[in-house]
Amino acid sequence: MKKLLFFLCTFSALTVFAAKPKNQYVEIKTSFGTCIVKLYNETPLHRDNFLKLAKAGYYNGTLFHRVIKAFMIQGGDPDSRQAKPDSLLGNGGPKYTIPAEFRDSLFHKKGVLAAARDNNPEKASSGSQFYLVQGKIFTDEQLNSVEQNRLNFKIPVWQREVYKTIGGAPHLDRNYTVYGEIVVGLAMVDKIAELATDKNNRPKEDVKMEIKVLKRGAARKLEKQLKNGGLKDNMVMKS
């Protein structure tokens, strides 16, 4: 009986240990703080590409080269590494794009990770450049104006409530692929968004980043803490 009990306890412990996290996560570290981003499983092309680049160290030492308060902070240009103060950035990246992965349930609320792109008709994403949304809070009247002048669809009621309370950038919805969200460390975005910038929206103070992928154990621990409300400095919105 004791052996059976020991076996069951051991089996249960191994089952918990072997369980995969529901999502994959990356940590973005800067001199203005660190955030952890959950990558969405609903956008596998963007998720897997970001993981590939992060694991290869592609982003390390690059800058948040474009910052617009109450809108977003943008990075991921490899040309920003060691860039001179007067360098015009935003055109670098791998020689491929990623097909758009628009999902009605994924929208530009504050704290999301989304893919930058040029003005191509397919709305395909840059192979590396991304942005984190700061955004602003909208009124119903402002959202009505966005629907009429920028979008070809009605913003769902539940998403309107998020834009009216948390904020975001609704005019980008279904035009740029959203593929993740900050679950810890949203304050980093707010701090970077406050920086003084030049005429090209580049911060006058370089903001370098280091990005790493959370290992399975760390991801499982994080998900447990988020589920139990054990993290205070976070922002978790259900999509």
C-alpha atoms as a PDB file:
ATOM      1  CA  MET A   1       0.000   0.000   0.000  1.00  0.00           C
ATOM      2  CA  LYS A   2       2.851   2.371   0.873  1.00  0.00           C
ATOM      3  CA  LYS A   3       4.557   1.564  -2.429  1.00  0.00           C
ATOM      4  CA  LEU A   4       1.347   2.303  -4.325  1.00  0.00           C
ATOM      5  CA  LEU A   5       0.908   5.607  -2.512  1.00  0.00           C
ATOM      6  CA  PHE A   6       4.527   6.547  -3.239  1.00  0.00           C
ATOM      7  CA  PHE A   7       4.047   5.674  -6.916  1.00  0.00           C
ATOM      8  CA  LEU A   8       0.892   7.771  -7.190  1.00  0.00           C
ATOM      9  CA  CYS A   9       2.553  10.757  -5.518  1.00  0.00           C
ATOM     10  CA  THR A  10       5.609  10.457  -7.767  1.00  0.00           C
ATOM     11  CA  PHE A  11       3.450  10.091 -10.874  1.00  0.00           C
ATOM     12  CA  SER A  12       1.393  13.154  -9.935  1.00  0.00           C
ATOM     13  CA  ALA A  13       4.532  15.207  -9.330  1.00  0.00           C
ATOM     14  CA  LEU A  14       6.022  14.172 -12.669  1.00  0.00           C
ATOM     15  CA  THR A  15       2.765  14.942 -14.464  1.00  0.00           C
ATOM     16  CA  VAL A  16       2.703  18.475 -13.071  1.00  0.00           C
ATOM     17  CA  PHE A  17       6.395  18.978 -13.837  1.00  0.00           C
ATOM     18  CA  ALA A  18       5.994  17.739 -17.413  1.00  0.00           C
ATOM     19  CA  ALA A  19       2.923  19.863 -18.160  1.00  0.00           C
ATOM     20  CA  LYS A  20       3.504  22.357 -20.928  1.00  0.00           C
ATOM     21  CA  PRO A  21       2.658  26.022 -20.394  1.00  0.00           C
ATOM     22  CA  LYS A  22      -0.355  27.222 -22.380  1.00  0.00           C
ATOM     23  CA  ASN A  23       1.658  29.948 -24.085  1.00  0.00           C
ATOM     24  CA  GLN A  24       5.236  30.975 -24.744  1.00  0.00           C
ATOM     25  CA  TYR A  25       6.699  34.122 -23.234  1.00  0.00           C
ATOM     26  CA  VAL A  26       9.545  36.528 -23.878  1.00  0.00           C
ATOM     27  CA  GLU A  27      11.239  38.973 -21.543  1.00  0.00           C
ATOM     28  CA  ILE A  28      12.143  42.418 -22.879  1.00  0.00           C
ATOM     29  CA  LYS A  29      14.726  44.172 -20.722  1.00  0.00           C
ATOM     30  CA  THR A  30      15.715  47.843 -20.960  1.00  0.00           C
ATOM     31  CA  SER A  31      17.286  50.459 -18.700  1.00  0.00           C
ATOM     32  CA  PHE A  32      13.732  51.717 -18.087  1.00  0.00           C
ATOM     33  CA  GLY A  33      12.445  48.429 -16.795  1.00  0.00           C
ATOM     34  CA  THR A  34      11.561  44.943 -17.905  1.00  0.00           C
ATOM     35  CA  CYS A  35       8.350  43.454 -19.224  1.00  0.00           C
ATOM     36  CA  ILE A  36       7.168  39.938 -20.010  1.00  0.00           C
ATOM     37  CA  VAL A  37       5.114  39.360 -23.135  1.00  0.00           C
ATOM     38  CA  LYS A  38       2.761  36.462 -23.768  1.00  0.00           C
ATOM     39  CA  LEU A  39       2.805  35.382 -27.413  1.00  0.00           C
ATOM     40  CA  TYR A  40      -0.583  34.436 -28.817  1.00  0.00           C
ATOM     41  CA  ASN A  41      -1.145  30.919 -30.131  1.00  0.00           C
ATOM     42  CA  GLU A  42      -3.763  32.356 -32.498  1.00  0.00           C
ATOM     43  CA  THR A  43      -0.982  33.969 -34.562  1.00  0.00           C
ATOM     44  CA  PRO A  44       1.503  31.099 -35.007  1.00  0.00           C
ATOM     45  CA  LEU A  45       3.489  32.601 -37.890  1.00  0.00           C
ATOM     46  CA  HIS A  46       4.328  35.744 -35.940  1.00  0.00           C
ATOM     47  CA  ARG A  47       4.812  33.847 -32.674  1.00  0.00           C
ATOM     48  CA  ASP A  48       7.263  31.376 -34.157  1.00  0.00           C
ATOM     49  CA  ASN A  49       9.216  34.041 -36.054  1.00  0.00           C
ATOM     50  CA  PHE A  50       9.600  36.177 -32.932  1.00  0.00           C
ATOM     51  CA  LEU A  51      10.750  33.166 -30.924  1.00  0.00           C
ATOM     52  CA  LYS A  52      13.266  32.241 -33.624  1.00  0.00           C
ATOM     53  CA  LEU A  53      14.797  35.719 -33.671  1.00  0.00           C
ATOM     54  CA  ALA A  54      14.797  36.064 -29.891  1.00  0.00           C
ATOM     55  CA  LYS A  55      16.536  32.714 -29.408  1.00  0.00           C
ATOM     56  CA  ALA A  56      19.172  33.757 -31.942  1.00  0.00           C
ATOM     57  CA  GLY A  57      19.862  37.002 -30.045  1.00  0.00           C
ATOM     58  CA  TYR A  58      18.698  39.035 -33.027  1.00  0.00           C
ATOM     59  CA  TYR A  59      17.202  41.845 -30.941  1.00  0.00           C
ATOM     60  CA  ASN A  60      19.926  42.194 -28.348  1.00  0.00           C
ATOM     61  CA  GLY A  61      21.529  45.618 -28.473  1.00  0.00           C
ATOM     62  CA  THR A  62      18.932  47.086 -30.845  1.00  0.00           C
ATOM     63  CA  LEU A  63      16.947  50.200 -29.953  1.00  0.00           C
ATOM     64  CA  PHE A  64      13.420  51.309 -29.439  1.00  0.00           C
ATOM     65  CA  HIS A  65      13.997  53.727 -32.282  1.00  0.00           C
ATOM     66  CA  ARG A  66      10.518  55.245 -32.693  1.00  0.00           C
ATOM     67  CA  VAL A  67       8.507  56.511 -29.731  1.00  0.00           C
ATOM     68  CA  ILE A  68       5.240  58.431 -29.828  1.00  0.00           C
ATOM     69  CA  LYS A  69       3.584  59.251 -26.516  1.00  0.00           C
ATOM     70  CA  ALA A  70      -0.033  58.065 -26.174  1.00  0.00           C
ATOM     71  CA  PHE A  71       0.531  55.798 -29.174  1.00  0.00           C
ATOM     72  CA  MET A  72       3.350  53.227 -29.146  1.00  0.00           C
ATOM     73  CA  ILE A  73       7.064  52.411 -28.848  1.00  0.00           C
ATOM     74  CA  GLN A  74       8.679  50.652 -31.819  1.00  0.00           C
ATOM     75  CA  GLY A  75      11.836  48.568 -32.140  1.00  0.00           C
ATOM     76  CA  GLY A  76      13.367  45.580 -33.878  1.00  0.00           C
ATOM     77  CA  ASP A  77      15.446  47.311 -36.557  1.00  0.00           C
ATOM     78  CA  PRO A  78      18.874  45.601 -36.657  1.00  0.00           C
ATOM     79  CA  ASP A  79      20.345  48.755 -38.210  1.00  0.00           C
ATOM     80  CA  SER A  80      19.717  50.556 -34.912  1.00  0.00           C
ATOM     81  CA  ARG A  81      22.536  48.638 -33.267  1.00  0.00           C
ATOM     82  CA  GLN A  82      25.463  51.086 -32.962  1.00  0.00           C
ATOM     83  CA  ALA A  83      23.475  53.682 -34.934  1.00  0.00           C
ATOM     84  CA  LYS A  84      24.695  57.274 -34.857  1.00  0.00           C
ATOM     85  CA  PRO A  85      22.379  59.883 -33.268  1.00  0.00           C
ATOM     86  CA  ASP A  86      21.417  61.361 -36.645  1.00  0.00           C
ATOM     87  CA  SER A  87      20.818  58.009 -38.371  1.00  0.00           C
ATOM     88  CA  LEU A  88      17.368  57.540 -39.903  1.00  0.00           C
ATOM     89  CA  LEU A  89      16.066  54.188 -38.692  1.00  0.00           C
ATOM     90  CA  GLY A  90      13.112  51.958 -39.451  1.00  0.00           C
ATOM     91  CA  ASN A  91      14.018  50.277 -42.727  1.00  0.00           C
ATOM     92  CA  GLY A  92      16.117  47.366 -41.467  1.00  0.00           C
ATOM     93  CA  GLY A  93      15.184  43.757 -40.979  1.00  0.00           C
ATOM     94  CA  PRO A  94      15.458  40.292 -42.511  1.00  0.00           C
ATOM     95  CA  LYS A  95      14.734  39.953 -46.216  1.00  0.00           C
ATOM     96  CA  TYR A  96      11.285  38.469 -45.750  1.00  0.00           C
ATOM     97  CA  THR A  97       7.843  39.436 -44.563  1.00  0.00           C
ATOM     98  CA  ILE A  98       5.210  37.536 -42.587  1.00  0.00           C
ATOM     99  CA  PRO A  99       1.663  37.104 -43.921  1.00  0.00           C
ATOM    100  CA  ALA A 100      -0.928  39.068 -41.971  1.00  0.00           C
ATOM    101  CA  GLU A 101      -2.719  37.135 -39.226  1.00  0.00           C
ATOM    102  CA  PHE A 102      -5.707  39.281 -38.361  1.00  0.00           C
ATOM    103  CA  ARG A 103      -8.043  37.882 -35.722  1.00  0.00           C
ATOM    104  CA  ASP A 104     -11.279  39.611 -34.721  1.00  0.00           C
ATOM    105  CA  SER A 105     -10.611  38.824 -31.055  1.00  0.00           C
ATOM    106  CA  LEU A 106      -7.113  40.375 -31.076  1.00  0.00           C
ATOM    107  CA  PHE A 107      -7.094  44.148 -31.011  1.00  0.00           C
ATOM    108  CA  HIS A 108      -4.882  47.115 -30.157  1.00  0.00           C
ATOM    109  CA  LYS A 109      -5.595  47.492 -26.442  1.00  0.00           C
ATOM    110  CA  LYS A 110      -2.900  49.033 -24.277  1.00  0.00           C
ATOM    111  CA  GLY A 111       0.020  46.661 -23.739  1.00  0.00           C
ATOM    112  CA  VAL A 112      -0.230  44.524 -26.872  1.00  0.00           C
ATOM    113  CA  LEU A 113       2.660  43.479 -29.077  1.00  0.00           C
ATOM    114  CA  ALA A 114       2.078  44.016 -32.788  1.00  0.00           C
ATOM    115  CA  ALA A 115       4.031  43.857 -36.030  1.00  0.00           C
ATOM    116  CA  ALA A 116       5.207  46.931 -37.897  1.00  0.00           C
ATOM    117  CA  ARG A 117       5.021  46.949 -41.682  1.00  0.00           C
ATOM    118  CA  ASP A 118       5.417  49.125 -44.748  1.00  0.00           C
ATOM    119  CA  ASN A 119       2.519  50.170 -46.957  1.00  0.00           C
ATOM    120  CA  ASN A 120       2.196  46.893 -48.886  1.00  0.00           C
ATOM    121  CA  PRO A 121      -1.248  45.895 -50.206  1.00  0.00           C
ATOM    122  CA  GLU A 122      -1.182  42.466 -48.504  1.00  0.00           C
ATOM    123  CA  LYS A 123      -0.491  44.150 -45.137  1.00  0.00           C
ATOM    124  CA  ALA A 124       2.308  41.651 -44.603  1.00  0.00           C
ATOM    125  CA  SER A 125       4.399  42.291 -41.512  1.00  0.00           C
ATOM    126  CA  SER A 126       8.052  43.217 -41.166  1.00  0.00           C
ATOM    127  CA  GLY A 127      10.256  40.231 -40.487  1.00  0.00           C
ATOM    128  CA  SER A 128      11.530  41.744 -37.231  1.00  0.00           C
ATOM    129  CA  GLN A 129      10.142  45.166 -36.365  1.00  0.00           C
ATOM    130  CA  PHE A 130       7.439  45.370 -33.731  1.00  0.00           C
ATOM    131  CA  TYR A 131       5.724  47.839 -31.436  1.00  0.00           C
ATOM    132  CA  LEU A 132       4.198  47.867 -27.977  1.00  0.00           C
ATOM    133  CA  VAL A 133       1.009  49.906 -27.640  1.00  0.00           C
ATOM    134  CA  GLN A 134       0.621  52.626 -25.040  1.00  0.00           C
ATOM    135  CA  GLY A 135      -2.365  54.300 -26.653  1.00  0.00           C
ATOM    136  CA  LYS A 136      -4.921  56.450 -24.898  1.00  0.00           C
ATOM    137  CA  ILE A 137      -8.427  56.214 -23.484  1.00  0.00           C
ATOM    138  CA  PHE A 138     -11.272  56.908 -25.929  1.00  0.00           C
ATOM    139  CA  THR A 139     -14.827  58.142 -25.513  1.00  0.00           C
ATOM    140  CA  ASP A 140     -17.793  56.665 -27.373  1.00  0.00           C
ATOM    141  CA  GLU A 141     -17.824  59.703 -29.649  1.00  0.00           C
ATOM    142  CA  GLN A 142     -14.152  59.239 -30.505  1.00  0.00           C
ATOM    143  CA  LEU A 143     -14.642  55.537 -31.182  1.00  0.00           C
ATOM    144  CA  ASN A 144     -17.589  56.339 -33.440  1.00  0.00           C
ATOM    145  CA  SER A 145     -15.325  58.698 -35.377  1.00  0.00           C
ATOM    146  CA  VAL A 146     -12.617  56.007 -35.694  1.00  0.00           C
ATOM    147  CA  GLU A 147     -15.213  53.568 -37.055  1.00  0.00           C
ATOM    148  CA  GLN A 148     -16.486  56.071 -39.604  1.00  0.00           C
ATOM    149  CA  ASN A 149     -13.182  57.510 -40.761  1.00  0.00           C
ATOM    150  CA  ARG A 150     -10.559  54.792 -40.282  1.00  0.00           C
ATOM    151  CA  LEU A 151     -12.224  51.381 -40.067  1.00  0.00           C
ATOM    152  CA  ASN A 152     -14.608  49.427 -42.272  1.00  0.00           C
ATOM    153  CA  PHE A 153     -16.301  47.652 -39.400  1.00  0.00           C
ATOM    154  CA  LYS A 154     -17.963  48.225 -36.055  1.00  0.00           C
ATOM    155  CA  ILE A 155     -15.824  47.798 -32.956  1.00  0.00           C
ATOM    156  CA  PRO A 156     -17.433  45.076 -30.783  1.00  0.00           C
ATOM    157  CA  VAL A 157     -19.076  46.346 -27.605  1.00  0.00           C
ATOM    158  CA  TRP A 158     -16.695  44.459 -25.313  1.00  0.00           C
ATOM    159  CA  GLN A 159     -13.676  45.890 -27.134  1.00  0.00           C
ATOM    160  CA  ARG A 160     -15.138  49.391 -26.918  1.00  0.00           C
ATOM    161  CA  GLU A 161     -15.298  48.982 -23.143  1.00  0.00           C
ATOM    162  CA  VAL A 162     -11.579  48.161 -23.080  1.00  0.00           C
ATOM    163  CA  TYR A 163     -10.757  51.199 -25.199  1.00  0.00           C
ATOM    164  CA  LYS A 164     -12.876  53.373 -22.874  1.00  0.00           C
ATOM    165  CA  THR A 165     -11.219  52.098 -19.691  1.00  0.00           C
ATOM    166  CA  ILE A 166      -7.746  50.707 -20.444  1.00  0.00           C
ATOM    167  CA  GLY A 167      -7.124  52.504 -23.725  1.00  0.00           C
ATOM    168  CA  GLY A 168      -5.248  51.596 -26.877  1.00  0.00           C
ATOM    169  CA  ALA A 169      -5.000  52.425 -30.581  1.00  0.00           C
ATOM    170  CA  PRO A 170      -8.224  51.232 -32.266  1.00  0.00           C
ATOM    171  CA  HIS A 171      -7.479  52.793 -35.653  1.00  0.00           C
ATOM    172  CA  LEU A 172      -4.846  50.073 -36.217  1.00  0.00           C
ATOM    173  CA  ASP A 173      -7.218  47.137 -35.746  1.00  0.00           C
ATOM    174  CA  ARG A 174      -7.193  44.573 -38.569  1.00  0.00           C
ATOM    175  CA  ASN A 175      -4.552  46.622 -40.363  1.00  0.00           C
ATOM    176  CA  TYR A 176      -1.526  45.501 -38.330  1.00  0.00           C
ATOM    177  CA  THR A 177      -1.134  42.048 -36.818  1.00  0.00           C
ATOM    178  CA  VAL A 178      -1.456  41.847 -33.035  1.00  0.00           C
ATOM    179  CA  TYR A 179       0.391  38.784 -31.751  1.00  0.00           C
ATOM    180  CA  GLY A 180       1.047  39.169 -28.034  1.00  0.00           C
ATOM    181  CA  GLU A 181       0.462  41.202 -24.888  1.00  0.00           C
ATOM    182  CA  ILE A 182       2.392  42.376 -21.859  1.00  0.00           C
ATOM    183  CA  VAL A 183       1.431  40.407 -18.766  1.00  0.00           C
ATOM    184  CA  VAL A 184       4.055  41.862 -16.413  1.00  0.00           C
ATOM    185  CA  GLY A 185       5.853  45.206 -16.480  1.00  0.00           C
ATOM    186  CA  LEU A 186       3.573  47.506 -18.441  1.00  0.00           C
ATOM    187  CA  ALA A 187       5.187  50.462 -16.689  1.00  0.00           C
ATOM    188  CA  MET A 188       8.213  50.031 -18.943  1.00  0.00           C
ATOM    189  CA  VAL A 189       6.199  51.210 -21.939  1.00  0.00           C
ATOM    190  CA  ASP A 190       4.878  54.254 -20.089  1.00  0.00           C
ATOM    191  CA  LYS A 191       8.385  55.273 -19.000  1.00  0.00           C
ATOM    192  CA  ILE A 192       9.867  54.969 -22.490  1.00  0.00           C
ATOM    193  CA  ALA A 193       6.904  56.826 -23.999  1.00  0.00           C
ATOM    194  CA  GLU A 194       7.745  59.844 -21.820  1.00  0.00           C
ATOM    195  CA  LEU A 195      11.217  60.305 -23.337  1.00  0.00           C
ATOM    196  CA  ALA A 196      12.114  63.356 -25.359  1.00  0.00           C
ATOM    197  CA  THR A 197      12.443  62.586 -29.081  1.00  0.00           C
ATOM    198  CA  ASP A 198      13.867  64.205 -32.210  1.00  0.00           C
ATOM    199  CA  LYS A 199      11.953  65.171 -35.357  1.00  0.00           C
ATOM    200  CA  ASN A 200      11.895  61.514 -36.462  1.00  0.00           C
ATOM    201  CA  ASN A 201      10.401  60.365 -33.134  1.00  0.00           C
ATOM    202  CA  ARG A 202      13.670  58.737 -32.116  1.00  0.00           C
ATOM    203  CA  PRO A 203      14.424  59.080 -28.396  1.00  0.00           C
ATOM    204  CA  LYS A 204      17.314  61.453 -27.756  1.00  0.00           C
ATOM    205  CA  GLU A 205      18.512  58.920 -25.201  1.00  0.00           C
ATOM    206  CA  ASP A 206      19.173  55.487 -26.707  1.00  0.00           C
ATOM    207  CA  VAL A 207      16.934  52.757 -25.316  1.00  0.00           C
ATOM    208  CA  LYS A 208      18.619  49.416 -25.908  1.00  0.00           C
ATOM    209  CA  MET A 209      16.834  46.119 -25.427  1.00  0.00           C
ATOM    210  CA  GLU A 210      17.696  42.551 -24.547  1.00  0.00           C
ATOM    211  CA  ILE A 211      15.121  39.885 -25.357  1.00  0.00           C
ATOM    212  CA  LYS A 212      15.120  36.308 -24.146  1.00  0.00           C
ATOM    213  CA  VAL A 213      12.616  33.458 -24.276  1.00  0.00           C
ATOM    214  CA  LEU A 214      11.346  32.172 -20.944  1.00  0.00           C
ATOM    215  CA  LYS A 215      12.159  28.522 -20.380  1.00  0.00           C
ATOM    216  CA  ARG A 216       9.346  26.050 -19.841  1.00  0.00           C
ATOM    217  CA  GLY A 217       9.678  25.950 -16.057  1.00  0.00           C
ATOM    218  CA  ALA A 218       9.674  29.725 -15.764  1.00  0.00           C
ATOM    219  CA  ALA A 219       6.672  29.970 -18.094  1.00  0.00           C
ATOM    220  CA  ARG A 220       4.719  27.430 -16.034  1.00  0.00           C
ATOM    221  CA  LYS A 221       5.539  29.299 -12.836  1.00  0.00           C
ATOM    222  CA  LEU A 222       4.492  32.590 -14.400  1.00  0.00           C
ATOM    223  CA  GLU A 223       1.163  31.199 -15.577  1.00  0.00           C
ATOM    224  CA  LYS A 224       0.464  29.836 -12.122  1.00  0.00           C
ATOM    225  CA  GLN A 225       1.257  33.210 -10.531  1.00  0.00           C
ATOM    226  CA  LEU A 226      -0.938  35.034 -13.034  1.00  0.00           C
ATOM    227  CA  LYS A 227      -3.790  32.608 -12.438  1.00  0.00           C
ATOM    228  CA  ASN A 228      -3.526  33.007  -8.681  1.00  0.00           C
ATOM    229  CA  GLY A 229      -3.117  36.767  -8.818  1.00  0.00           C
ATOM    230  CA  GLY A 230       0.359  36.517  -7.329  1.00  0.00           C
ATOM    231  CA  LEU A 231       1.843  39.282  -9.489  1.00  0.00           C
ATOM    232  CA  LYS A 232       0.986  42.878  -8.684  1.00  0.00           C
ATOM    233  CA  ASP A 233       2.800  44.672 -11.505  1.00  0.00           C
ATOM    234  CA  ASN A 234       0.851  43.215 -14.357  1.00  0.00           C
ATOM    235  CA  MET A 235      -1.931  43.790 -16.808  1.00  0.00           C
ATOM    236  CA  VAL A 236      -3.715  40.712 -18.016  1.00  0.00           C
ATOM    237  CA  MET A 237      -6.699  41.199 -20.308  1.00  0.00           C
ATOM    238  CA  LYS A 238      -8.681  38.242 -21.583  1.00  0.00           C
ATOM    239  CA  SER A 239      -9.072  38.356 -25.338  1.00  0.00           C
END
